[in-house]
């Protein structure tokens, strides 16, 4: 099994920045892709960014150029640097890891005020 613990959410004004972290433990050697989803109230869950163990990162069109996903394999941690935040980025952000199967973090709230 894989356990994921997220941190770094909070309240920020529009135009500000936040960095989310997701620390993995357990069967980390089996992790392939990691990434972030988000879900805003009343909306479907949206895939935000992914980073494979090898290969290219990918981003939702809505965050390209503003968000950066990175991975520190030595710390078993994936990060999501979020810049130029907008009110529409407000959501609960969930980290995931594909082992397989897919494991999920508990979610961290990001609120962007206008």
PDB file of N, CA and C in Angstrom:
ATOM      1  N   UNK A   1       0.835  -1.199   0.000  1.00  0.00           N
ATOM      2  CA  UNK A   1       0.000   0.000   0.000  1.00  0.00           C
ATOM      3  C   UNK A   1       0.870   1.250   0.000  1.00  0.00           C
ATOM      4  N   UNK A   2       0.265   2.329  -0.421  1.00  0.00           N
ATOM      5  CA  UNK A   2       0.933   3.633  -0.455  1.00  0.00           C
ATOM      6  C   UNK A   2       0.098   4.616   0.358  1.00  0.00           C
ATOM      7  N   UNK A   3       0.755   5.365   1.216  1.00  0.00           N
ATOM      8  CA  UNK A   3       0.075   6.416   1.973  1.00  0.00           C
ATOM      9  C   UNK A   3       0.556   7.774   1.465  1.00  0.00           C
ATOM     10  N   UNK A   4      -0.394   8.690   1.334  1.00  0.00           N
ATOM     11  CA  UNK A   4      -0.088  10.034   0.821  1.00  0.00           C
ATOM     12  C   UNK A   4      -0.577  11.066   1.823  1.00  0.00           C
ATOM     13  N   UNK A   5       0.286  12.002   2.163  1.00  0.00           N
ATOM     14  CA  UNK A   5      -0.077  13.066   3.092  1.00  0.00           C
ATOM     15  C   UNK A   5       0.208  14.408   2.431  1.00  0.00           C
ATOM     16  N   UNK A   6      -0.840  15.197   2.289  1.00  0.00           N
ATOM     17  CA  UNK A   6      -0.721  16.495   1.627  1.00  0.00           C
ATOM     18  C   UNK A   6      -0.574  17.609   2.634  1.00  0.00           C
ATOM     19  N   UNK A   7       0.024  18.695   2.191  1.00  0.00           N
ATOM     20  CA  UNK A   7       0.126  19.901   3.008  1.00  0.00           C
ATOM     21  C   UNK A   7       0.302  21.093   2.091  1.00  0.00           C
ATOM     22  N   UNK A   8       0.102  22.281   2.657  1.00  0.00           N
ATOM     23  CA  UNK A   8       0.390  23.500   1.911  1.00  0.00           C
ATOM     24  C   UNK A   8      -0.802  24.290   1.432  1.00  0.00           C
ATOM     25  N   UNK A   9      -2.002  23.788   1.642  1.00  0.00           N
ATOM     26  CA  UNK A   9      -3.171  24.542   1.230  1.00  0.00           C
ATOM     27  C   UNK A   9      -3.383  25.751   2.126  1.00  0.00           C
ATOM     28  N   UNK A  10      -4.354  26.576   1.758  1.00  0.00           N
ATOM     29  CA  UNK A  10      -4.654  27.737   2.567  1.00  0.00           C
ATOM     30  C   UNK A  10      -5.434  28.771   1.798  1.00  0.00           C
ATOM     31  N   UNK A  11      -5.463  29.968   2.368  1.00  0.00           N
ATOM     32  CA  UNK A  11      -6.183  31.105   1.790  1.00  0.00           C
ATOM     33  C   UNK A  11      -5.159  32.093   1.236  1.00  0.00           C
ATOM     34  N   UNK A  12      -5.387  32.518   0.008  1.00  0.00           N
ATOM     35  CA  UNK A  12      -4.467  33.460  -0.629  1.00  0.00           C
ATOM     36  C   UNK A  12      -5.273  34.406  -1.505  1.00  0.00           C
ATOM     37  N   UNK A  13      -4.760  35.600  -1.696  1.00  0.00           N
ATOM     38  CA  UNK A  13      -5.429  36.553  -2.572  1.00  0.00           C
ATOM     39  C   UNK A  13      -5.119  36.239  -4.032  1.00  0.00           C
ATOM     40  N   UNK A  14      -6.003  36.654  -4.890  1.00  0.00           N
ATOM     41  CA  UNK A  14      -5.790  36.476  -6.324  1.00  0.00           C
ATOM     42  C   UNK A  14      -4.449  37.077  -6.719  1.00  0.00           C
ATOM     43  N   UNK A  15      -3.736  36.351  -7.563  1.00  0.00           N
ATOM     44  CA  UNK A  15      -2.407  36.771  -7.973  1.00  0.00           C
ATOM     45  C   UNK A  15      -1.294  36.215  -7.109  1.00  0.00           C
ATOM     46  N   UNK A  16      -1.652  35.633  -5.990  1.00  0.00           N
ATOM     47  CA  UNK A  16      -0.666  35.080  -5.075  1.00  0.00           C
ATOM     48  C   UNK A  16      -0.226  33.690  -5.459  1.00  0.00           C
ATOM     49  N   UNK A  17       0.584  33.105  -4.580  1.00  0.00           N
ATOM     50  CA  UNK A  17       1.159  31.787  -4.841  1.00  0.00           C
ATOM     51  C   UNK A  17       0.996  30.882  -3.629  1.00  0.00           C
ATOM     52  N   UNK A  18       0.939  29.598  -3.904  1.00  0.00           N
ATOM     53  CA  UNK A  18       0.969  28.553  -2.880  1.00  0.00           C
ATOM     54  C   UNK A  18       1.750  27.383  -3.431  1.00  0.00           C
ATOM     55  N   UNK A  19       2.341  26.613  -2.529  1.00  0.00           N
ATOM     56  CA  UNK A  19       2.978  25.366  -2.943  1.00  0.00           C
ATOM     57  C   UNK A  19       2.394  24.226  -2.127  1.00  0.00           C
ATOM     58  N   UNK A  20       1.848  23.256  -2.838  1.00  0.00           N
ATOM     59  CA  UNK A  20       1.326  22.047  -2.210  1.00  0.00           C
ATOM     60  C   UNK A  20       2.404  20.967  -2.221  1.00  0.00           C
ATOM     61  N   UNK A  21       2.405  20.185  -1.151  1.00  0.00           N
ATOM     62  CA  UNK A  21       3.329  19.053  -1.054  1.00  0.00           C
ATOM     63  C   UNK A  21       2.539  17.792  -0.809  1.00  0.00           C
ATOM     64  N   UNK A  22       3.060  16.681  -1.288  1.00  0.00           N
ATOM     65  CA  UNK A  22       2.437  15.377  -1.088  1.00  0.00           C
ATOM     66  C   UNK A  22       3.552  14.374  -0.814  1.00  0.00           C
ATOM     67  N   UNK A  23       3.618  13.922   0.426  1.00  0.00           N
ATOM     68  CA  UNK A  23       4.659  12.988   0.827  1.00  0.00           C
ATOM     69  C   UNK A  23       4.111  11.568   0.772  1.00  0.00           C
ATOM     70  N   UNK A  24       4.839  10.695   0.104  1.00  0.00           N
ATOM     71  CA  UNK A  24       4.428   9.303  -0.052  1.00  0.00           C
ATOM     72  C   UNK A  24       5.231   8.414   0.883  1.00  0.00           C
ATOM     73  N   UNK A  25       4.576   7.370   1.380  1.00  0.00           N
ATOM     74  CA  UNK A  25       5.249   6.356   2.195  1.00  0.00           C
ATOM     75  C   UNK A  25       4.635   5.005   1.884  1.00  0.00           C
ATOM     76  N   UNK A  26       5.296   3.956   2.345  1.00  0.00           N
ATOM     77  CA  UNK A  26       4.817   2.605   2.058  1.00  0.00           C
ATOM     78  C   UNK A  26       5.544   2.030   0.860  1.00  0.00           C
ATOM     79  N   UNK A  27       4.803   1.459  -0.069  1.00  0.00           N
ATOM     80  CA  UNK A  27       5.390   0.784  -1.236  1.00  0.00           C
ATOM     81  C   UNK A  27       5.774   1.798  -2.302  1.00  0.00           C
ATOM     82  N   UNK A  28       6.631   2.707  -1.933  1.00  0.00           N
ATOM     83  CA  UNK A  28       6.963   3.817  -2.832  1.00  0.00           C
ATOM     84  C   UNK A  28       7.742   3.352  -4.044  1.00  0.00           C
ATOM     85  N   UNK A  29       8.413   2.224  -3.948  1.00  0.00           N
ATOM     86  CA  UNK A  29       9.211   1.737  -5.080  1.00  0.00           C
ATOM     87  C   UNK A  29       8.336   1.371  -6.265  1.00  0.00           C
ATOM     88  N   UNK A  30       7.045   1.132  -5.988  1.00  0.00           N
ATOM     89  CA  UNK A  30       6.131   0.704  -7.047  1.00  0.00           C
ATOM     90  C   UNK A  30       5.379   1.867  -7.681  1.00  0.00           C
ATOM     91  N   UNK A  31       5.609   3.092  -7.193  1.00  0.00           N
ATOM     92  CA  UNK A  31       4.868   4.245  -7.719  1.00  0.00           C
ATOM     93  C   UNK A  31       5.344   4.585  -9.123  1.00  0.00           C
ATOM     94  N   UNK A  32       4.400   4.736 -10.011  1.00  0.00           N
ATOM     95  CA  UNK A  32       4.688   5.149 -11.382  1.00  0.00           C
ATOM     96  C   UNK A  32       4.383   6.644 -11.511  1.00  0.00           C
ATOM     97  N   UNK A  33       3.167   6.959 -11.842  1.00  0.00           N
ATOM     98  CA  UNK A  33       2.782   8.350 -12.007  1.00  0.00           C
ATOM     99  C   UNK A  33       2.224   8.924 -10.710  1.00  0.00           C
ATOM    100  N   UNK A  34       2.536  10.184 -10.463  1.00  0.00           N
ATOM    101  CA  UNK A  34       1.909  10.934  -9.376  1.00  0.00           C
ATOM    102  C   UNK A  34       1.319  12.214  -9.953  1.00  0.00           C
ATOM    103  N   UNK A  35       0.421  12.812  -9.221  1.00  0.00           N
ATOM    104  CA  UNK A  35      -0.174  14.031  -9.726  1.00  0.00           C
ATOM    105  C   UNK A  35      -1.187  14.615  -8.772  1.00  0.00           C
ATOM    106  N   UNK A  36      -1.936  15.567  -9.308  1.00  0.00           N
ATOM    107  CA  UNK A  36      -2.947  16.288  -8.523  1.00  0.00           C
ATOM    108  C   UNK A  36      -4.249  16.411  -9.304  1.00  0.00           C
ATOM    109  N   UNK A  37      -5.334  16.159  -8.590  1.00  0.00           N
ATOM    110  CA  UNK A  37      -6.673  16.480  -9.051  1.00  0.00           C
ATOM    111  C   UNK A  37      -7.180  17.614  -8.172  1.00  0.00           C
ATOM    112  N   UNK A  38      -8.234  18.257  -8.618  1.00  0.00           N
ATOM    113  CA  UNK A  38      -8.925  19.209  -7.760  1.00  0.00           C
ATOM    114  C   UNK A  38     -10.425  19.104  -8.000  1.00  0.00           C
ATOM    115  N   UNK A  39     -11.174  19.466  -6.973  1.00  0.00           N
ATOM    116  CA  UNK A  39     -12.627  19.459  -7.083  1.00  0.00           C
ATOM    117  C   UNK A  39     -13.186  20.677  -6.380  1.00  0.00           C
ATOM    118  N   UNK A  40     -13.890  21.497  -7.140  1.00  0.00           N
ATOM    119  CA  UNK A  40     -14.557  22.673  -6.606  1.00  0.00           C
ATOM    120  C   UNK A  40     -16.000  22.298  -6.289  1.00  0.00           C
ATOM    121  N   UNK A  41     -16.636  23.017  -5.383  1.00  0.00           N
ATOM    122  CA  UNK A  41     -18.026  22.715  -5.030  1.00  0.00           C
ATOM    123  C   UNK A  41     -18.936  22.753  -6.252  1.00  0.00           C
ATOM    124  N   UNK A  42     -19.715  21.692  -6.421  1.00  0.00           N
ATOM    125  CA  UNK A  42     -20.657  21.634  -7.518  1.00  0.00           C
ATOM    126  C   UNK A  42     -20.055  21.340  -8.872  1.00  0.00           C
ATOM    127  N   UNK A  43     -18.758  21.049  -8.904  1.00  0.00           N
ATOM    128  CA  UNK A  43     -18.093  20.786 -10.185  1.00  0.00           C
ATOM    129  C   UNK A  43     -17.481  19.397 -10.179  1.00  0.00           C
ATOM    130  N   UNK A  44     -17.218  18.907 -11.382  1.00  0.00           N
ATOM    131  CA  UNK A  44     -16.573  17.604 -11.513  1.00  0.00           C
ATOM    132  C   UNK A  44     -15.091  17.713 -11.130  1.00  0.00           C
ATOM    133  N   UNK A  45     -14.563  16.580 -10.721  1.00  0.00           N
ATOM    134  CA  UNK A  45     -13.144  16.549 -10.401  1.00  0.00           C
ATOM    135  C   UNK A  45     -12.336  16.778 -11.670  1.00  0.00           C
ATOM    136  N   UNK A  46     -11.277  17.552 -11.544  1.00  0.00           N
ATOM    137  CA  UNK A  46     -10.462  17.938 -12.701  1.00  0.00           C
ATOM    138  C   UNK A  46      -9.026  17.504 -12.480  1.00  0.00           C
ATOM    139  N   UNK A  47      -8.459  16.869 -13.487  1.00  0.00           N
ATOM    140  CA  UNK A  47      -7.046  16.501 -13.429  1.00  0.00           C
ATOM    141  C   UNK A  47      -6.217  17.763 -13.661  1.00  0.00           C
ATOM    142  N   UNK A  48      -5.366  18.099 -12.723  1.00  0.00           N
ATOM    143  CA  UNK A  48      -4.600  19.332 -12.783  1.00  0.00           C
ATOM    144  C   UNK A  48      -3.228  19.116 -13.421  1.00  0.00           C
ATOM    145  N   UNK A  49      -2.483  18.146 -12.926  1.00  0.00           N
ATOM    146  CA  UNK A  49      -1.126  17.926 -13.423  1.00  0.00           C
ATOM    147  C   UNK A  49      -0.673  16.525 -13.065  1.00  0.00           C
ATOM    148  N   UNK A  50       0.190  15.967 -13.904  1.00  0.00           N
ATOM    149  CA  UNK A  50       0.760  14.650 -13.644  1.00  0.00           C
ATOM    150  C   UNK A  50       2.260  14.681 -13.895  1.00  0.00           C
ATOM    151  N   UNK A  51       2.952  13.794 -13.192  1.00  0.00           N
ATOM    152  CA  UNK A  51       4.389  13.650 -13.401  1.00  0.00           C
ATOM    153  C   UNK A  51       4.717  12.166 -13.285  1.00  0.00           C
ATOM    154  N   UNK A  52       5.182  11.559 -14.356  1.00  0.00           N
ATOM    155  CA  UNK A  52       5.520  10.136 -14.322  1.00  0.00           C
ATOM    156  C   UNK A  52       6.898   9.922 -13.706  1.00  0.00           C
ATOM    157  N   UNK A  53       7.204   8.677 -13.410  1.00  0.00           N
ATOM    158  CA  UNK A  53       8.537   8.376 -12.890  1.00  0.00           C
ATOM    159  C   UNK A  53       9.598   8.677 -13.934  1.00  0.00           C
ATOM    160  N   UNK A  54       9.215   8.549 -15.192  1.00  0.00           N
ATOM    161  CA  UNK A  54      10.097   8.928 -16.295  1.00  0.00           C
ATOM    162  C   UNK A  54       9.212   9.460 -17.406  1.00  0.00           C
ATOM    163  N   UNK A  55       9.607  10.574 -17.969  1.00  0.00           N
ATOM    164  CA  UNK A  55       8.790  11.139 -19.021  1.00  0.00           C
ATOM    165  C   UNK A  55       8.377  12.565 -18.721  1.00  0.00           C
ATOM    166  N   UNK A  56       7.454  13.047 -19.512  1.00  0.00           N
ATOM    167  CA  UNK A  56       7.094  14.453 -19.458  1.00  0.00           C
ATOM    168  C   UNK A  56       5.919  14.705 -18.529  1.00  0.00           C
ATOM    169  N   UNK A  57       5.913  15.871 -17.940  1.00  0.00           N
ATOM    170  CA  UNK A  57       4.785  16.306 -17.142  1.00  0.00           C
ATOM    171  C   UNK A  57       3.648  16.743 -18.058  1.00  0.00           C
ATOM    172  N   UNK A  58       2.457  16.782 -17.501  1.00  0.00           N
ATOM    173  CA  UNK A  58       1.311  17.259 -18.267  1.00  0.00           C
ATOM    174  C   UNK A  58       0.444  18.121 -17.362  1.00  0.00           C
ATOM    175  N   UNK A  59      -0.289  19.043 -17.979  1.00  0.00           N
ATOM    176  CA  UNK A  59      -1.090  20.001 -17.238  1.00  0.00           C
ATOM    177  C   UNK A  59      -2.446  20.202 -17.901  1.00  0.00           C
ATOM    178  N   UNK A  60      -3.420  20.531 -17.069  1.00  0.00           N
ATOM    179  CA  UNK A  60      -4.698  20.974 -17.609  1.00  0.00           C
ATOM    180  C   UNK A  60      -4.488  22.321 -18.291  1.00  0.00           C
ATOM    181  N   UNK A  61      -5.243  22.564 -19.331  1.00  0.00           N
ATOM    182  CA  UNK A  61      -5.114  23.846 -20.046  1.00  0.00           C
ATOM    183  C   UNK A  61      -5.348  25.031 -19.116  1.00  0.00           C
ATOM    184  N   UNK A  62      -6.209  24.846 -18.141  1.00  0.00           N
ATOM    185  CA  UNK A  62      -6.581  25.942 -17.251  1.00  0.00           C
ATOM    186  C   UNK A  62      -5.440  26.384 -16.339  1.00  0.00           C
ATOM    187  N   UNK A  63      -4.398  25.557 -16.199  1.00  0.00           N
ATOM    188  CA  UNK A  63      -3.305  25.910 -15.286  1.00  0.00           C
ATOM    189  C   UNK A  63      -1.958  26.026 -15.994  1.00  0.00           C
ATOM    190  N   UNK A  64      -1.911  25.735 -17.274  1.00  0.00           N
ATOM    191  CA  UNK A  64      -0.640  25.804 -18.004  1.00  0.00           C
ATOM    192  C   UNK A  64      -0.047  27.200 -17.908  1.00  0.00           C
ATOM    193  N   UNK A  65       1.250  27.219 -17.642  1.00  0.00           N
ATOM    194  CA  UNK A  65       1.944  28.496 -17.521  1.00  0.00           C
ATOM    195  C   UNK A  65       1.867  29.108 -16.144  1.00  0.00           C
ATOM    196  N   UNK A  66       1.006  28.573 -15.273  1.00  0.00           N
ATOM    197  CA  UNK A  66       0.872  29.108 -13.914  1.00  0.00           C
ATOM    198  C   UNK A  66       1.292  28.091 -12.858  1.00  0.00           C
ATOM    199  N   UNK A  67       1.025  26.822 -13.099  1.00  0.00           N
ATOM    200  CA  UNK A  67       1.331  25.762 -12.135  1.00  0.00           C
ATOM    201  C   UNK A  67       2.517  24.946 -12.637  1.00  0.00           C
ATOM    202  N   UNK A  68       3.311  24.466 -11.696  1.00  0.00           N
ATOM    203  CA  UNK A  68       4.430  23.593 -12.027  1.00  0.00           C
ATOM    204  C   UNK A  68       4.440  22.410 -11.076  1.00  0.00           C
ATOM    205  N   UNK A  69       4.458  21.215 -11.643  1.00  0.00           N
ATOM    206  CA  UNK A  69       4.546  20.000 -10.830  1.00  0.00           C
ATOM    207  C   UNK A  69       5.987  19.512 -10.846  1.00  0.00           C
ATOM    208  N   UNK A  70       6.459  19.052  -9.701  1.00  0.00           N
ATOM    209  CA  UNK A  70       7.813  18.531  -9.622  1.00  0.00           C
ATOM    210  C   UNK A  70       7.835  17.373  -8.626  1.00  0.00           C
ATOM    211  N   UNK A  71       8.931  16.638  -8.662  1.00  0.00           N
ATOM    212  CA  UNK A  71       8.994  15.416  -7.861  1.00  0.00           C
ATOM    213  C   UNK A  71      10.400  15.282  -7.293  1.00  0.00           C
ATOM    214  N   UNK A  72      10.501  15.058  -6.012  1.00  0.00           N
ATOM    215  CA  UNK A  72      11.777  14.816  -5.357  1.00  0.00           C
ATOM    216  C   UNK A  72      11.791  13.360  -4.933  1.00  0.00           C
ATOM    217  N   UNK A  73      12.427  12.524  -5.725  1.00  0.00           N
ATOM    218  CA  UNK A  73      12.412  11.086  -5.448  1.00  0.00           C
ATOM    219  C   UNK A  73      13.156  10.748  -4.148  1.00  0.00           C
ATOM    220  N   UNK A  74      14.141  11.545  -3.789  1.00  0.00           N
ATOM    221  CA  UNK A  74      14.883  11.283  -2.557  1.00  0.00           C
ATOM    222  C   UNK A  74      13.991  11.477  -1.332  1.00  0.00           C
ATOM    223  N   UNK A  75      13.035  12.400  -1.448  1.00  0.00           N
ATOM    224  CA  UNK A  75      12.118  12.675  -0.343  1.00  0.00           C
ATOM    225  C   UNK A  75      10.756  12.027  -0.540  1.00  0.00           C
ATOM    226  N   UNK A  76      10.608  11.316  -1.673  1.00  0.00           N
ATOM    227  CA  UNK A  76       9.323  10.670  -1.978  1.00  0.00           C
ATOM    228  C   UNK A  76       8.180  11.669  -1.912  1.00  0.00           C
ATOM    229  N   UNK A  77       8.413  12.833  -2.467  1.00  0.00           N
ATOM    230  CA  UNK A  77       7.455  13.915  -2.373  1.00  0.00           C
ATOM    231  C   UNK A  77       7.226  14.545  -3.747  1.00  0.00           C
ATOM    232  N   UNK A  78       5.976  14.872  -4.019  1.00  0.00           N
ATOM    233  CA  UNK A  78       5.623  15.594  -5.228  1.00  0.00           C
ATOM    234  C   UNK A  78       5.081  16.958  -4.800  1.00  0.00           C
ATOM    235  N   UNK A  79       5.399  17.964  -5.583  1.00  0.00           N
ATOM    236  CA  UNK A  79       5.014  19.332  -5.275  1.00  0.00           C
ATOM    237  C   UNK A  79       4.152  19.913  -6.403  1.00  0.00           C
ATOM    238  N   UNK A  80       3.320  20.856  -6.038  1.00  0.00           N
ATOM    239  CA  UNK A  80       2.578  21.629  -7.025  1.00  0.00           C
ATOM    240  C   UNK A  80       2.758  23.102  -6.666  1.00  0.00           C
ATOM    241  N   UNK A  81       3.590  23.779  -7.450  1.00  0.00           N
ATOM    242  CA  UNK A  81       3.795  25.203  -7.271  1.00  0.00           C
ATOM    243  C   UNK A  81       2.728  25.937  -8.063  1.00  0.00           C
ATOM    244  N   UNK A  82       1.940  26.737  -7.374  1.00  0.00           N
ATOM    245  CA  UNK A  82       0.818  27.419  -8.003  1.00  0.00           C
ATOM    246  C   UNK A  82       1.054  28.924  -7.927  1.00  0.00           C
ATOM    247  N   UNK A  83       1.222  29.532  -9.080  1.00  0.00           N
ATOM    248  CA  UNK A  83       1.448  30.977  -9.164  1.00  0.00           C
ATOM    249  C   UNK A  83       0.280  31.650  -9.881  1.00  0.00           C
ATOM    250  N   UNK A  84       0.212  32.960  -9.743  1.00  0.00           N
ATOM    251  CA  UNK A  84      -0.850  33.739 -10.403  1.00  0.00           C
ATOM    252  C   UNK A  84      -2.214  33.123 -10.159  1.00  0.00           C
ATOM    253  N   UNK A  85      -2.481  32.808  -8.914  1.00  0.00           N
ATOM    254  CA  UNK A  85      -3.726  32.122  -8.579  1.00  0.00           C
ATOM    255  C   UNK A  85      -4.939  32.984  -8.864  1.00  0.00           C
ATOM    256  N   UNK A  86      -6.016  32.319  -9.263  1.00  0.00           N
ATOM    257  CA  UNK A  86      -7.273  32.969  -9.613  1.00  0.00           C
ATOM    258  C   UNK A  86      -8.375  32.423  -8.703  1.00  0.00           C
ATOM    259  N   UNK A  87      -9.445  33.176  -8.510  1.00  0.00           N
ATOM    260  CA  UNK A  87     -10.554  32.660  -7.694  1.00  0.00           C
ATOM    261  C   UNK A  87     -11.077  31.316  -8.204  1.00  0.00           C
ATOM    262  N   UNK A  88     -11.032  31.106  -9.499  1.00  0.00           N
ATOM    263  CA  UNK A  88     -11.517  29.839 -10.051  1.00  0.00           C
ATOM    264  C   UNK A  88     -10.601  28.661  -9.754  1.00  0.00           C
ATOM    265  N   UNK A  89      -9.451  28.919  -9.164  1.00  0.00           N
ATOM    266  CA  UNK A  89      -8.582  27.829  -8.715  1.00  0.00           C
ATOM    267  C   UNK A  89      -9.012  27.292  -7.343  1.00  0.00           C
ATOM    268  N   UNK A  90      -9.974  27.954  -6.717  1.00  0.00           N
ATOM    269  CA  UNK A  90     -10.464  27.506  -5.412  1.00  0.00           C
ATOM    270  C   UNK A  90     -11.055  26.104  -5.522  1.00  0.00           C
ATOM    271  N   UNK A  91     -10.550  25.201  -4.706  1.00  0.00           N
ATOM    272  CA  UNK A  91     -10.979  23.800  -4.755  1.00  0.00           C
ATOM    273  C   UNK A  91     -10.266  23.029  -3.657  1.00  0.00           C
ATOM    274  N   UNK A  92     -10.698  21.803  -3.466  1.00  0.00           N
ATOM    275  CA  UNK A  92      -9.928  20.849  -2.671  1.00  0.00           C
ATOM    276  C   UNK A  92      -8.994  20.134  -3.641  1.00  0.00           C
ATOM    277  N   UNK A  93      -7.718  20.140  -3.319  1.00  0.00           N
ATOM    278  CA  UNK A  93      -6.712  19.527  -4.168  1.00  0.00           C
ATOM    279  C   UNK A  93      -6.316  18.174  -3.574  1.00  0.00           C
ATOM    280  N   UNK A  94      -6.343  17.157  -4.435  1.00  0.00           N
ATOM    281  CA  UNK A  94      -6.034  15.795  -4.020  1.00  0.00           C
ATOM    282  C   UNK A  94      -4.798  15.293  -4.744  1.00  0.00           C
ATOM    283  N   UNK A  95      -3.872  14.784  -3.989  1.00  0.00           N
ATOM    284  CA  UNK A  95      -2.712  14.121  -4.555  1.00  0.00           C
ATOM    285  C   UNK A  95      -3.070  12.675  -4.852  1.00  0.00           C
ATOM    286  N   UNK A  96      -2.502  12.119  -5.911  1.00  0.00           N
ATOM    287  CA  UNK A  96      -2.704  10.701  -6.192  1.00  0.00           C
ATOM    288  C   UNK A  96      -1.387  10.081  -6.636  1.00  0.00           C
ATOM    289  N   UNK A  97      -1.329   8.771  -6.470  1.00  0.00           N
ATOM    290  CA  UNK A  97      -0.169   8.000  -6.897  1.00  0.00           C
ATOM    291  C   UNK A  97      -0.666   6.713  -7.524  1.00  0.00           C
ATOM    292  N   UNK A  98      -0.121   6.387  -8.687  1.00  0.00           N
ATOM    293  CA  UNK A  98      -0.468   5.152  -9.371  1.00  0.00           C
ATOM    294  C   UNK A  98       0.600   4.144  -9.055  1.00  0.00           C
ATOM    295  N   UNK A  99       0.201   3.067  -8.354  1.00  0.00           N
ATOM    296  CA  UNK A  99       1.179   2.090  -7.877  1.00  0.00           C
ATOM    297  C   UNK A  99       1.381   0.884  -8.773  1.00  0.00           C
ATOM    298  N   UNK A 100       0.379   0.410  -9.522  1.00  0.00           N
ATOM    299  CA  UNK A 100      -1.071   0.545  -9.313  1.00  0.00           C
ATOM    300  C   UNK A 100      -1.548  -0.340  -8.154  1.00  0.00           C
ATOM    301  N   UNK A 101      -2.753  -0.131  -7.597  1.00  0.00           N
ATOM    302  CA  UNK A 101      -3.832   0.727  -8.095  1.00  0.00           C
ATOM    303  C   UNK A 101      -3.572   2.203  -7.804  1.00  0.00           C
ATOM    304  N   UNK A 102      -4.604   3.005  -7.805  1.00  0.00           N
ATOM    305  CA  UNK A 102      -4.461   4.423  -7.536  1.00  0.00           C
ATOM    306  C   UNK A 102      -4.719   4.676  -6.062  1.00  0.00           C
ATOM    307  N   UNK A 103      -3.824   5.416  -5.448  1.00  0.00           N
ATOM    308  CA  UNK A 103      -3.966   5.821  -4.061  1.00  0.00           C
ATOM    309  C   UNK A 103      -4.190   7.329  -4.006  1.00  0.00           C
ATOM    310  N   UNK A 104      -4.908   7.747  -2.949  1.00  0.00           N
ATOM    311  CA  UNK A 104      -5.292   9.145  -2.838  1.00  0.00           C
ATOM    312  C   UNK A 104      -4.876   9.731  -1.489  1.00  0.00           C
ATOM    313  N   UNK A 105      -4.565  11.024  -1.524  1.00  0.00           N
ATOM    314  CA  UNK A 105      -4.376  11.747  -0.290  1.00  0.00           C
ATOM    315  C   UNK A 105      -5.718  12.198   0.261  1.00  0.00           C
ATOM    316  N   UNK A 106      -5.676  12.857   1.413  1.00  0.00           N
ATOM    317  CA  UNK A 106      -6.905  13.243   2.090  1.00  0.00           C
ATOM    318  C   UNK A 106      -7.481  14.544   1.544  1.00  0.00           C
ATOM    319  N   UNK A 107      -6.708  15.263   0.765  1.00  0.00           N
ATOM    320  CA  UNK A 107      -7.172  16.514   0.199  1.00  0.00           C
ATOM    321  C   UNK A 107      -6.739  17.707   1.030  1.00  0.00           C
ATOM    322  N   UNK A 108      -6.480  18.811   0.360  1.00  0.00           N
ATOM    323  CA  UNK A 108      -6.123  20.044   1.042  1.00  0.00           C
ATOM    324  C   UNK A 108      -6.859  21.201   0.366  1.00  0.00           C
ATOM    325  N   UNK A 109      -7.452  22.061   1.171  1.00  0.00           N
ATOM    326  CA  UNK A 109      -8.273  23.150   0.648  1.00  0.00           C
ATOM    327  C   UNK A 109      -7.398  24.310   0.191  1.00  0.00           C
ATOM    328  N   UNK A 110      -7.693  24.781  -1.009  1.00  0.00           N
ATOM    329  CA  UNK A 110      -7.068  26.002  -1.528  1.00  0.00           C
ATOM    330  C   UNK A 110      -8.185  26.990  -1.811  1.00  0.00           C
ATOM    331  N   UNK A 111      -8.102  28.159  -1.207  1.00  0.00           N
ATOM    332  CA  UNK A 111      -9.108  29.192  -1.403  1.00  0.00           C
ATOM    333  C   UNK A 111      -8.421  30.459  -1.893  1.00  0.00           C
ATOM    334  N   UNK A 112      -8.881  30.952  -3.028  1.00  0.00           N
ATOM    335  CA  UNK A 112      -8.307  32.163  -3.617  1.00  0.00           C
ATOM    336  C   UNK A 112      -9.369  33.250  -3.577  1.00  0.00           C
ATOM    337  N   UNK A 113      -9.087  34.306  -2.869  1.00  0.00           N
ATOM    338  CA  UNK A 113     -10.043  35.408  -2.751  1.00  0.00           C
ATOM    339  C   UNK A 113      -9.778  36.459  -3.819  1.00  0.00           C
ATOM    340  N   UNK A 114     -10.863  37.097  -4.239  1.00  0.00           N
ATOM    341  CA  UNK A 114     -10.738  38.108  -5.301  1.00  0.00           C
ATOM    342  C   UNK A 114     -10.469  39.478  -4.720  1.00  0.00           C
TER     343      UNK A 114
END
